Amino acid sequence: RFVRESVKRLGFESFCALPLRHGEETYGVLCVAARDREAMRDEAERGLLEGIAERLAAAIESSRLHERVLDAAVLEERERIAHELHDGLAQVLGYINTQTLAVRKLLASNRVEEAGVQLEAMERAAKRVYADVREGIFALRTPLGDVDRLADAVRAHLRGYREMPGAPQAIEVVAGEEVPKLPPATEIQLMWIVQEALTNVRNHADAGSATIRFSVEEPELVVAVEDDGRGFEPARRTRTGWPHFGLQTMRERAEAVGGCFEIDSELDRGTAVRVRVPLAGPNGGGER
């Protein structure tokens, strides 16, 4: 079907069609035309074209696999965001909705003072969820694309974080040596883990200070978020699915890039969240 009169009129005298096949799949046809009547008669020329066709088919297969991986990653990230919305925004809005009905009944019973107390509690909850949504939007605009190093991206994030209610008065980034450059997917997940941990510090720790610490412990990079706040009992709260800490989300993010997630906390003695990732990343490619 490729040999048409119009092609001949253009002066092409030779034509070769080769299937783009990889494994059991055929993706298309590589068509080559030449004005020389004797072109592509040589076995070496046809062998070269067959090799090109094989490479093209493999490249197409690789591209399709890459698209499927990206699609899966997008779906996984949407699931995580849905989890976070459910554990934060949806629960607070549900609470406000319930309290609205309670306030309506109190006002109907002329219990104005009690209604005022409930309204103050609703106001605090609304302010908190507003701050959470604002911080979530801010976190989605990760500054990683504007800087070369993960530690610099965290410092950029802190410029806005310090202005949010509940943030510790003293907060710093400590990097004992140059933080290795990791694959982009690994750095993005680490950035989101740091942001989630800082959100927990702001919302729950009542901390005076916090430190984001980067250290190299061959063959891993360790990223820790430490605070001197009220702390909690990790075993009890992770077992009961403590909603606001996002521990499961952070663990999933760490495991997605071949790392592991650790948490160390005691009541009234602060909390330390640590993530360990291989320096080469889950698929290799890390740089020093």
C-alpha atoms as a PDB file:
ATOM      1  CA  ARG A   1       0.000   0.000   0.000  1.00  0.00           C
ATOM      2  CA  PHE A   2       3.007   2.301   0.283  1.00  0.00           C
ATOM      3  CA  VAL A   3       3.878   2.096  -3.395  1.00  0.00           C
ATOM      4  CA  ARG A   4       1.632   4.659  -5.091  1.00  0.00           C
ATOM      5  CA  GLU A   5       1.775   6.268  -8.476  1.00  0.00           C
ATOM      6  CA  SER A   6       2.411   9.594  -6.765  1.00  0.00           C
ATOM      7  CA  VAL A   7       5.541   8.158  -5.140  1.00  0.00           C
ATOM      8  CA  LYS A   8       6.771   6.965  -8.509  1.00  0.00           C
ATOM      9  CA  ARG A   9       6.087  10.348 -10.007  1.00  0.00           C
ATOM     10  CA  LEU A  10       8.400  11.865  -7.429  1.00  0.00           C
ATOM     11  CA  GLY A  11      11.189   9.798  -8.958  1.00  0.00           C
ATOM     12  CA  PHE A  12      11.606   7.018  -6.398  1.00  0.00           C
ATOM     13  CA  GLU A  13      12.733   3.765  -8.027  1.00  0.00           C
ATOM     14  CA  SER A  14      13.440   1.581  -4.981  1.00  0.00           C
ATOM     15  CA  PHE A  15      11.364   0.917  -1.901  1.00  0.00           C
ATOM     16  CA  CYS A  16      11.907  -1.118   1.294  1.00  0.00           C
ATOM     17  CA  ALA A  17       9.371  -1.698   4.095  1.00  0.00           C
ATOM     18  CA  LEU A  18      10.522  -3.183   7.409  1.00  0.00           C
ATOM     19  CA  PRO A  19       8.257  -4.031  10.378  1.00  0.00           C
ATOM     20  CA  LEU A  20       9.007  -2.266  13.667  1.00  0.00           C
ATOM     21  CA  ARG A  21       8.740  -5.356  15.849  1.00  0.00           C
ATOM     22  CA  HIS A  22       9.833  -5.912  19.438  1.00  0.00           C
ATOM     23  CA  GLY A  23       9.070  -9.248  21.067  1.00  0.00           C
ATOM     24  CA  GLU A  24       5.509 -10.180  20.149  1.00  0.00           C
ATOM     25  CA  GLU A  25       4.481  -6.602  19.354  1.00  0.00           C
ATOM     26  CA  THR A  26       4.553  -4.832  15.979  1.00  0.00           C
ATOM     27  CA  TYR A  27       4.475  -1.050  16.323  1.00  0.00           C
ATOM     28  CA  GLY A  28       4.551   0.050  12.694  1.00  0.00           C
ATOM     29  CA  VAL A  29       6.614  -0.017   9.533  1.00  0.00           C
ATOM     30  CA  LEU A  30       9.869   1.671   8.611  1.00  0.00           C
ATOM     31  CA  CYS A  31       9.602   2.735   4.969  1.00  0.00           C
ATOM     32  CA  VAL A  32      12.664   3.747   2.974  1.00  0.00           C
ATOM     33  CA  ALA A  33      12.553   4.960  -0.643  1.00  0.00           C
ATOM     34  CA  ALA A  34      15.419   5.819  -2.974  1.00  0.00           C
ATOM     35  CA  ARG A  35      15.749   7.360  -6.425  1.00  0.00           C
ATOM     36  CA  ASP A  36      18.474   4.864  -7.336  1.00  0.00           C
ATOM     37  CA  ARG A  37      16.982   1.719  -8.908  1.00  0.00           C
ATOM     38  CA  GLU A  38      19.849  -0.377  -7.493  1.00  0.00           C
ATOM     39  CA  ALA A  39      19.573   0.968  -3.937  1.00  0.00           C
ATOM     40  CA  MET A  40      18.960  -1.442  -1.034  1.00  0.00           C
ATOM     41  CA  ARG A  41      19.736  -4.510  -3.106  1.00  0.00           C
ATOM     42  CA  ASP A  42      22.940  -5.111  -1.156  1.00  0.00           C
ATOM     43  CA  GLU A  43      22.528  -7.445   1.844  1.00  0.00           C
ATOM     44  CA  ALA A  44      24.660  -5.176   4.043  1.00  0.00           C
ATOM     45  CA  GLU A  45      22.368  -2.195   3.337  1.00  0.00           C
ATOM     46  CA  ARG A  46      19.280  -4.223   4.171  1.00  0.00           C
ATOM     47  CA  GLY A  47      20.995  -5.483   7.329  1.00  0.00           C
ATOM     48  CA  LEU A  48      21.685  -1.907   8.392  1.00  0.00           C
ATOM     49  CA  LEU A  49      18.025  -0.961   7.819  1.00  0.00           C
ATOM     50  CA  GLU A  50      16.878  -3.999   9.809  1.00  0.00           C
ATOM     51  CA  GLY A  51      19.147  -2.956  12.669  1.00  0.00           C
ATOM     52  CA  ILE A  52      17.702   0.565  12.602  1.00  0.00           C
ATOM     53  CA  ALA A  53      14.171  -0.879  12.620  1.00  0.00           C
ATOM     54  CA  GLU A  54      14.997  -3.040  15.653  1.00  0.00           C
ATOM     55  CA  ARG A  55      16.416  -0.052  17.531  1.00  0.00           C
ATOM     56  CA  LEU A  56      13.365   2.068  16.690  1.00  0.00           C
ATOM     57  CA  ALA A  57      10.994  -0.675  17.889  1.00  0.00           C
ATOM     58  CA  ALA A  58      12.934  -1.018  21.157  1.00  0.00           C
ATOM     59  CA  ALA A  59      12.852   2.779  21.637  1.00  0.00           C
ATOM     60  CA  ILE A  60       9.077   2.835  21.096  1.00  0.00           C
ATOM     61  CA  GLU A  61       8.614   0.011  23.602  1.00  0.00           C
ATOM     62  CA  SER A  62      10.813   1.821  26.137  1.00  0.00           C
ATOM     63  CA  SER A  63       8.840   5.040  25.639  1.00  0.00           C
ATOM     64  CA  ARG A  64       5.541   3.244  26.201  1.00  0.00           C
ATOM     65  CA  LEU A  65       6.849   1.549  29.333  1.00  0.00           C
ATOM     66  CA  HIS A  66       8.058   4.931  30.604  1.00  0.00           C
ATOM     67  CA  GLU A  67       4.603   6.420  30.001  1.00  0.00           C
ATOM     68  CA  ARG A  68       3.002   3.581  31.942  1.00  0.00           C
ATOM     69  CA  VAL A  69       5.414   4.121  34.830  1.00  0.00           C
ATOM     70  CA  LEU A  70       4.617   7.847  34.849  1.00  0.00           C
ATOM     71  CA  ASP A  71       0.885   7.116  34.770  1.00  0.00           C
ATOM     72  CA  ALA A  72       1.278   4.767  37.732  1.00  0.00           C
ATOM     73  CA  ALA A  73       3.304   7.388  39.620  1.00  0.00           C
ATOM     74  CA  VAL A  74       0.634  10.043  38.967  1.00  0.00           C
ATOM     75  CA  LEU A  75      -2.109   7.712  40.209  1.00  0.00           C
ATOM     76  CA  GLU A  76      -0.068   6.877  43.312  1.00  0.00           C
ATOM     77  CA  GLU A  77       0.498  10.560  44.046  1.00  0.00           C
ATOM     78  CA  ARG A  78      -3.204  11.325  43.583  1.00  0.00           C
ATOM     79  CA  GLU A  79      -3.972   8.558  46.091  1.00  0.00           C
ATOM     80  CA  ARG A  80      -1.571  10.079  48.606  1.00  0.00           C
ATOM     81  CA  ILE A  81      -3.069  13.549  48.161  1.00  0.00           C
ATOM     82  CA  ALA A  82      -6.571  12.082  48.603  1.00  0.00           C
ATOM     83  CA  HIS A  83      -5.381  10.443  51.840  1.00  0.00           C
ATOM     84  CA  GLU A  84      -3.985  13.724  53.109  1.00  0.00           C
ATOM     85  CA  LEU A  85      -7.151  15.645  52.208  1.00  0.00           C
ATOM     86  CA  HIS A  86      -9.277  13.052  53.986  1.00  0.00           C
ATOM     87  CA  ASP A  87      -7.094  13.048  57.097  1.00  0.00           C
ATOM     88  CA  GLY A  88      -6.910  16.833  57.288  1.00  0.00           C
ATOM     89  CA  LEU A  89      -9.291  19.031  55.363  1.00  0.00           C
ATOM     90  CA  ALA A  90     -12.266  16.643  55.195  1.00  0.00           C
ATOM     91  CA  GLN A  91     -12.189  15.854  58.919  1.00  0.00           C
ATOM     92  CA  VAL A  92     -12.002  19.492  59.979  1.00  0.00           C
ATOM     93  CA  LEU A  93     -14.812  20.494  57.602  1.00  0.00           C
ATOM     94  CA  GLY A  94     -16.902  17.617  58.949  1.00  0.00           C
ATOM     95  CA  TYR A  95     -16.267  18.876  62.484  1.00  0.00           C
ATOM     96  CA  ILE A  96     -17.262  22.434  61.520  1.00  0.00           C
ATOM     97  CA  ASN A  97     -20.442  21.157  59.880  1.00  0.00           C
ATOM     98  CA  THR A  98     -21.400  19.225  63.026  1.00  0.00           C
ATOM     99  CA  GLN A  99     -20.614  22.195  65.263  1.00  0.00           C
ATOM    100  CA  THR A 100     -22.729  24.473  63.074  1.00  0.00           C
ATOM    101  CA  LEU A 101     -25.774  22.343  63.818  1.00  0.00           C
ATOM    102  CA  ALA A 102     -24.911  22.395  67.535  1.00  0.00           C
ATOM    103  CA  VAL A 103     -24.575  26.190  67.547  1.00  0.00           C
ATOM    104  CA  ARG A 104     -27.904  26.540  65.763  1.00  0.00           C
ATOM    105  CA  LYS A 105     -29.607  24.496  68.501  1.00  0.00           C
ATOM    106  CA  LEU A 106     -27.883  26.461  71.258  1.00  0.00           C
ATOM    107  CA  LEU A 107     -29.037  29.757  69.772  1.00  0.00           C
ATOM    108  CA  ALA A 108     -32.556  28.405  69.368  1.00  0.00           C
ATOM    109  CA  SER A 109     -32.486  27.602  73.096  1.00  0.00           C
ATOM    110  CA  ASN A 110     -31.165  31.097  73.882  1.00  0.00           C
ATOM    111  CA  ARG A 111     -27.906  29.624  75.223  1.00  0.00           C
ATOM    112  CA  VAL A 112     -25.866  32.396  73.669  1.00  0.00           C
ATOM    113  CA  GLU A 113     -22.777  32.085  75.868  1.00  0.00           C
ATOM    114  CA  GLU A 114     -22.352  28.384  75.092  1.00  0.00           C
ATOM    115  CA  ALA A 115     -22.877  29.100  71.405  1.00  0.00           C
ATOM    116  CA  GLY A 116     -20.100  31.703  71.590  1.00  0.00           C
ATOM    117  CA  VAL A 117     -17.692  29.133  73.033  1.00  0.00           C
ATOM    118  CA  GLN A 118     -18.506  26.736  70.195  1.00  0.00           C
ATOM    119  CA  LEU A 119     -18.031  29.471  67.601  1.00  0.00           C
ATOM    120  CA  GLU A 120     -14.584  30.281  69.007  1.00  0.00           C
ATOM    121  CA  ALA A 121     -13.618  26.608  68.688  1.00  0.00           C
ATOM    122  CA  MET A 122     -14.907  26.587  65.108  1.00  0.00           C
ATOM    123  CA  GLU A 123     -12.914  29.722  64.343  1.00  0.00           C
ATOM    124  CA  ARG A 124      -9.714  28.080  65.607  1.00  0.00           C
ATOM    125  CA  ALA A 125     -10.409  24.980  63.517  1.00  0.00           C
ATOM    126  CA  ALA A 126     -11.118  27.089  60.422  1.00  0.00           C
ATOM    127  CA  LYS A 127      -7.864  29.021  60.880  1.00  0.00           C
ATOM    128  CA  ARG A 128      -5.945  25.798  61.235  1.00  0.00           C
ATOM    129  CA  VAL A 129      -7.407  24.213  58.119  1.00  0.00           C
ATOM    130  CA  TYR A 130      -6.822  27.452  56.197  1.00  0.00           C
ATOM    131  CA  ALA A 131      -3.167  27.364  57.225  1.00  0.00           C
ATOM    132  CA  ASP A 132      -2.946  23.675  56.257  1.00  0.00           C
ATOM    133  CA  VAL A 133      -4.429  24.301  52.807  1.00  0.00           C
ATOM    134  CA  ARG A 134      -2.153  27.301  52.281  1.00  0.00           C
ATOM    135  CA  GLU A 135       0.857  25.249  53.305  1.00  0.00           C
ATOM    136  CA  GLY A 136      -0.252  22.365  51.074  1.00  0.00           C
ATOM    137  CA  ILE A 137      -0.459  24.639  48.048  1.00  0.00           C
ATOM    138  CA  PHE A 138       2.885  26.147  48.978  1.00  0.00           C
ATOM    139  CA  ALA A 139       4.398  22.646  49.265  1.00  0.00           C
ATOM    140  CA  LEU A 140       3.125  21.625  45.826  1.00  0.00           C
ATOM    141  CA  ARG A 141       5.134  24.508  44.385  1.00  0.00           C
ATOM    142  CA  THR A 142       8.337  22.729  45.349  1.00  0.00           C
ATOM    143  CA  PRO A 143      11.380  24.963  44.717  1.00  0.00           C
ATOM    144  CA  LEU A 144      13.495  22.001  43.544  1.00  0.00           C
ATOM    145  CA  GLY A 145      13.310  23.148  39.934  1.00  0.00           C
ATOM    146  CA  ASP A 146      14.879  26.507  40.826  1.00  0.00           C
ATOM    147  CA  VAL A 147      17.936  25.257  42.735  1.00  0.00           C
ATOM    148  CA  ASP A 148      20.663  22.687  42.237  1.00  0.00           C
ATOM    149  CA  ARG A 149      20.697  21.061  45.660  1.00  0.00           C
ATOM    150  CA  LEU A 150      18.094  19.532  47.953  1.00  0.00           C
ATOM    151  CA  ALA A 151      19.384  21.410  51.011  1.00  0.00           C
ATOM    152  CA  ASP A 152      19.000  24.713  49.149  1.00  0.00           C
ATOM    153  CA  ALA A 153      15.428  23.784  48.203  1.00  0.00           C
ATOM    154  CA  VAL A 154      14.635  23.134  51.878  1.00  0.00           C
ATOM    155  CA  ARG A 155      16.112  26.512  52.831  1.00  0.00           C
ATOM    156  CA  ALA A 156      13.930  28.159  50.177  1.00  0.00           C
ATOM    157  CA  HIS A 157      10.868  26.388  51.588  1.00  0.00           C
ATOM    158  CA  LEU A 158      11.671  27.642  55.095  1.00  0.00           C
ATOM    159  CA  ARG A 159      11.422  31.271  53.985  1.00  0.00           C
ATOM    160  CA  GLY A 160       7.662  30.877  53.652  1.00  0.00           C
ATOM    161  CA  TYR A 161       7.285  28.270  56.406  1.00  0.00           C
ATOM    162  CA  ARG A 162       8.629  30.592  59.120  1.00  0.00           C
ATOM    163  CA  GLU A 163       5.711  32.995  58.536  1.00  0.00           C
ATOM    164  CA  MET A 164       3.052  30.353  59.247  1.00  0.00           C
ATOM    165  CA  PRO A 165       1.320  30.128  62.653  1.00  0.00           C
ATOM    166  CA  GLY A 166       2.780  27.490  64.949  1.00  0.00           C
ATOM    167  CA  ALA A 167       6.192  27.384  63.254  1.00  0.00           C
ATOM    168  CA  PRO A 168       9.136  27.169  65.697  1.00  0.00           C
ATOM    169  CA  GLN A 169      10.906  30.418  66.423  1.00  0.00           C
ATOM    170  CA  ALA A 170      14.286  28.864  65.692  1.00  0.00           C
ATOM    171  CA  ILE A 171      14.704  26.585  62.696  1.00  0.00           C
ATOM    172  CA  GLU A 172      17.818  25.740  60.706  1.00  0.00           C
ATOM    173  CA  VAL A 173      19.248  23.453  58.057  1.00  0.00           C
ATOM    174  CA  VAL A 174      22.428  21.566  58.970  1.00  0.00           C
ATOM    175  CA  ALA A 175      24.445  19.910  56.204  1.00  0.00           C
ATOM    176  CA  GLY A 176      27.823  18.678  57.460  1.00  0.00           C
ATOM    177  CA  GLU A 177      29.131  18.237  53.930  1.00  0.00           C
ATOM    178  CA  GLU A 178      27.894  18.821  50.416  1.00  0.00           C
ATOM    179  CA  VAL A 179      24.620  16.954  50.014  1.00  0.00           C
ATOM    180  CA  PRO A 180      24.954  14.452  47.127  1.00  0.00           C
ATOM    181  CA  LYS A 181      22.879  15.011  44.021  1.00  0.00           C
ATOM    182  CA  LEU A 182      20.218  12.289  43.804  1.00  0.00           C
ATOM    183  CA  PRO A 183      17.811  11.263  41.022  1.00  0.00           C
ATOM    184  CA  PRO A 184      15.016  13.861  40.617  1.00  0.00           C
ATOM    185  CA  ALA A 185      12.279  11.427  41.736  1.00  0.00           C
ATOM    186  CA  THR A 186      14.182  10.716  44.973  1.00  0.00           C
ATOM    187  CA  GLU A 187      14.784  14.405  45.708  1.00  0.00           C
ATOM    188  CA  ILE A 188      11.115  15.253  45.134  1.00  0.00           C
ATOM    189  CA  GLN A 189       9.962  12.541  47.545  1.00  0.00           C
ATOM    190  CA  LEU A 190      12.511  13.644  50.155  1.00  0.00           C
ATOM    191  CA  MET A 191      11.355  17.242  49.778  1.00  0.00           C
ATOM    192  CA  TRP A 192       7.730  16.247  50.354  1.00  0.00           C
ATOM    193  CA  ILE A 193       8.686  14.150  53.394  1.00  0.00           C
ATOM    194  CA  VAL A 194      10.505  17.138  54.896  1.00  0.00           C
ATOM    195  CA  GLN A 195       7.491  19.363  54.190  1.00  0.00           C
ATOM    196  CA  GLU A 196       5.094  16.860  55.794  1.00  0.00           C
ATOM    197  CA  ALA A 197       7.322  16.531  58.858  1.00  0.00           C
ATOM    198  CA  LEU A 198       7.519  20.321  59.200  1.00  0.00           C
ATOM    199  CA  THR A 199       3.732  20.543  58.926  1.00  0.00           C
ATOM    200  CA  ASN A 200       3.456  18.124  61.857  1.00  0.00           C
ATOM    201  CA  VAL A 201       5.923  20.239  63.852  1.00  0.00           C
ATOM    202  CA  ARG A 202       3.860  23.350  63.201  1.00  0.00           C
ATOM    203  CA  ASN A 203       0.487  21.763  63.945  1.00  0.00           C
ATOM    204  CA  HIS A 204       1.252  19.406  66.811  1.00  0.00           C
ATOM    205  CA  ALA A 205       4.695  19.749  68.377  1.00  0.00           C
ATOM    206  CA  ASP A 206       4.456  23.156  70.082  1.00  0.00           C
ATOM    207  CA  ALA A 207       8.220  23.285  69.550  1.00  0.00           C
ATOM    208  CA  GLY A 208      10.595  26.148  70.208  1.00  0.00           C
ATOM    209  CA  SER A 209      13.171  24.950  67.706  1.00  0.00           C
ATOM    210  CA  ALA A 210      13.578  22.501  64.849  1.00  0.00           C
ATOM    211  CA  THR A 211      16.476  21.273  62.738  1.00  0.00           C
ATOM    212  CA  ILE A 212      16.583  19.698  59.285  1.00  0.00           C
ATOM    213  CA  ARG A 213      19.773  17.658  59.190  1.00  0.00           C
ATOM    214  CA  PHE A 214      21.509  16.104  56.159  1.00  0.00           C
ATOM    215  CA  SER A 215      24.264  13.555  56.670  1.00  0.00           C
ATOM    216  CA  VAL A 216      26.035  10.939  54.571  1.00  0.00           C
ATOM    217  CA  GLU A 217      26.343   7.502  56.126  1.00  0.00           C
ATOM    218  CA  GLU A 218      27.694   5.364  53.274  1.00  0.00           C
ATOM    219  CA  PRO A 219      25.985   4.003  51.307  1.00  0.00           C
ATOM    220  CA  GLU A 220      23.029   6.190  52.338  1.00  0.00           C
ATOM    221  CA  LEU A 221      21.924   9.764  52.660  1.00  0.00           C
ATOM    222  CA  VAL A 222      20.103  10.434  55.935  1.00  0.00           C
ATOM    223  CA  VAL A 223      17.620  13.302  56.139  1.00  0.00           C
ATOM    224  CA  ALA A 224      16.263  14.076  59.619  1.00  0.00           C
ATOM    225  CA  VAL A 225      13.694  16.559  60.917  1.00  0.00           C
ATOM    226  CA  GLU A 226      14.138  17.049  64.673  1.00  0.00           C
ATOM    227  CA  ASP A 227      12.171  19.206  67.112  1.00  0.00           C
ATOM    228  CA  ASP A 228      12.137  19.867  70.876  1.00  0.00           C
ATOM    229  CA  GLY A 229       8.347  19.777  71.164  1.00  0.00           C
ATOM    230  CA  ARG A 230       5.853  17.779  73.156  1.00  0.00           C
ATOM    231  CA  GLY A 231       6.515  14.463  71.407  1.00  0.00           C
ATOM    232  CA  PHE A 232       4.165  11.463  71.330  1.00  0.00           C
ATOM    233  CA  GLU A 233       4.100   7.675  71.516  1.00  0.00           C
ATOM    234  CA  PRO A 234       4.766   6.445  67.953  1.00  0.00           C
ATOM    235  CA  ALA A 235       3.681   2.830  68.460  1.00  0.00           C
ATOM    236  CA  ARG A 236       0.284   3.742  69.857  1.00  0.00           C
ATOM    237  CA  ARG A 237      -0.465   6.440  67.316  1.00  0.00           C
ATOM    238  CA  THR A 238       0.743   4.574  64.233  1.00  0.00           C
ATOM    239  CA  ARG A 239      -1.183   1.499  65.321  1.00  0.00           C
ATOM    240  CA  THR A 240      -4.398   3.476  65.704  1.00  0.00           C
ATOM    241  CA  GLY A 241      -3.874   5.339  62.447  1.00  0.00           C
ATOM    242  CA  TRP A 242      -3.278   8.765  64.016  1.00  0.00           C
ATOM    243  CA  PRO A 243      -4.638  10.944  61.211  1.00  0.00           C
ATOM    244  CA  HIS A 244      -2.839  14.238  61.439  1.00  0.00           C
ATOM    245  CA  PHE A 245       0.728  13.013  61.526  1.00  0.00           C
ATOM    246  CA  GLY A 246       0.825  11.579  58.021  1.00  0.00           C
ATOM    247  CA  LEU A 247       3.280   8.905  59.168  1.00  0.00           C
ATOM    248  CA  GLN A 248       2.042   6.328  56.693  1.00  0.00           C
ATOM    249  CA  THR A 249       2.311   8.791  53.818  1.00  0.00           C
ATOM    250  CA  MET A 250       5.909   9.626  54.723  1.00  0.00           C
ATOM    251  CA  ARG A 251       6.767   5.939  55.009  1.00  0.00           C
ATOM    252  CA  GLU A 252       5.228   5.226  51.601  1.00  0.00           C
ATOM    253  CA  ARG A 253       7.161   8.081  50.021  1.00  0.00           C
ATOM    254  CA  ALA A 254      10.442   6.797  51.469  1.00  0.00           C
ATOM    255  CA  GLU A 255       9.802   3.229  50.326  1.00  0.00           C
ATOM    256  CA  ALA A 256       8.831   4.448  46.834  1.00  0.00           C
ATOM    257  CA  VAL A 257      12.445   5.548  46.267  1.00  0.00           C
ATOM    258  CA  GLY A 258      14.074   2.515  47.885  1.00  0.00           C
ATOM    259  CA  GLY A 259      14.538   4.128  51.294  1.00  0.00           C
ATOM    260  CA  CYS A 260      13.338   3.482  54.829  1.00  0.00           C
ATOM    261  CA  PHE A 261      11.482   5.664  57.313  1.00  0.00           C
ATOM    262  CA  GLU A 262      12.250   5.928  61.028  1.00  0.00           C
ATOM    263  CA  ILE A 263      10.628   7.893  63.827  1.00  0.00           C
ATOM    264  CA  ASP A 264      11.922   8.484  67.354  1.00  0.00           C
ATOM    265  CA  SER A 265       9.718  10.322  69.825  1.00  0.00           C
ATOM    266  CA  GLU A 266       8.928  10.485  73.532  1.00  0.00           C
ATOM    267  CA  LEU A 267       6.350  12.507  75.402  1.00  0.00           C
ATOM    268  CA  ASP A 268       7.739  15.938  76.323  1.00  0.00           C
ATOM    269  CA  ARG A 269      11.119  15.076  74.755  1.00  0.00           C
ATOM    270  CA  GLY A 270      10.594  15.982  71.129  1.00  0.00           C
ATOM    271  CA  THR A 271      10.441  14.045  67.882  1.00  0.00           C
ATOM    272  CA  ALA A 272      12.963  13.025  65.233  1.00  0.00           C
ATOM    273  CA  VAL A 273      11.839  11.830  61.802  1.00  0.00           C
ATOM    274  CA  ARG A 274      14.558  10.213  59.672  1.00  0.00           C
ATOM    275  CA  VAL A 275      14.626   8.973  56.111  1.00  0.00           C
ATOM    276  CA  ARG A 276      17.462   6.864  54.731  1.00  0.00           C
ATOM    277  CA  VAL A 277      17.853   6.563  50.958  1.00  0.00           C
ATOM    278  CA  PRO A 278      20.622   4.899  48.941  1.00  0.00           C
ATOM    279  CA  LEU A 279      23.060   7.407  47.496  1.00  0.00           C
ATOM    280  CA  ALA A 280      22.660   5.885  44.049  1.00  0.00           C
ATOM    281  CA  GLY A 281      18.855   6.035  44.230  1.00  0.00           C
ATOM    282  CA  PRO A 282      16.582   3.018  43.618  1.00  0.00           C
ATOM    283  CA  ASN A 283      17.675   2.777  39.977  1.00  0.00           C
ATOM    284  CA  GLY A 284      21.164   4.170  40.210  1.00  0.00           C
ATOM    285  CA  GLY A 285      22.325   7.537  38.957  1.00  0.00           C
ATOM    286  CA  GLY A 286      23.257   9.363  42.146  1.00  0.00           C
ATOM    287  CA  GLU A 287      26.210  11.734  41.977  1.00  0.00           C
ATOM    288  CA  ARG A 288      28.702  12.949  44.519  1.00  0.00           C
END
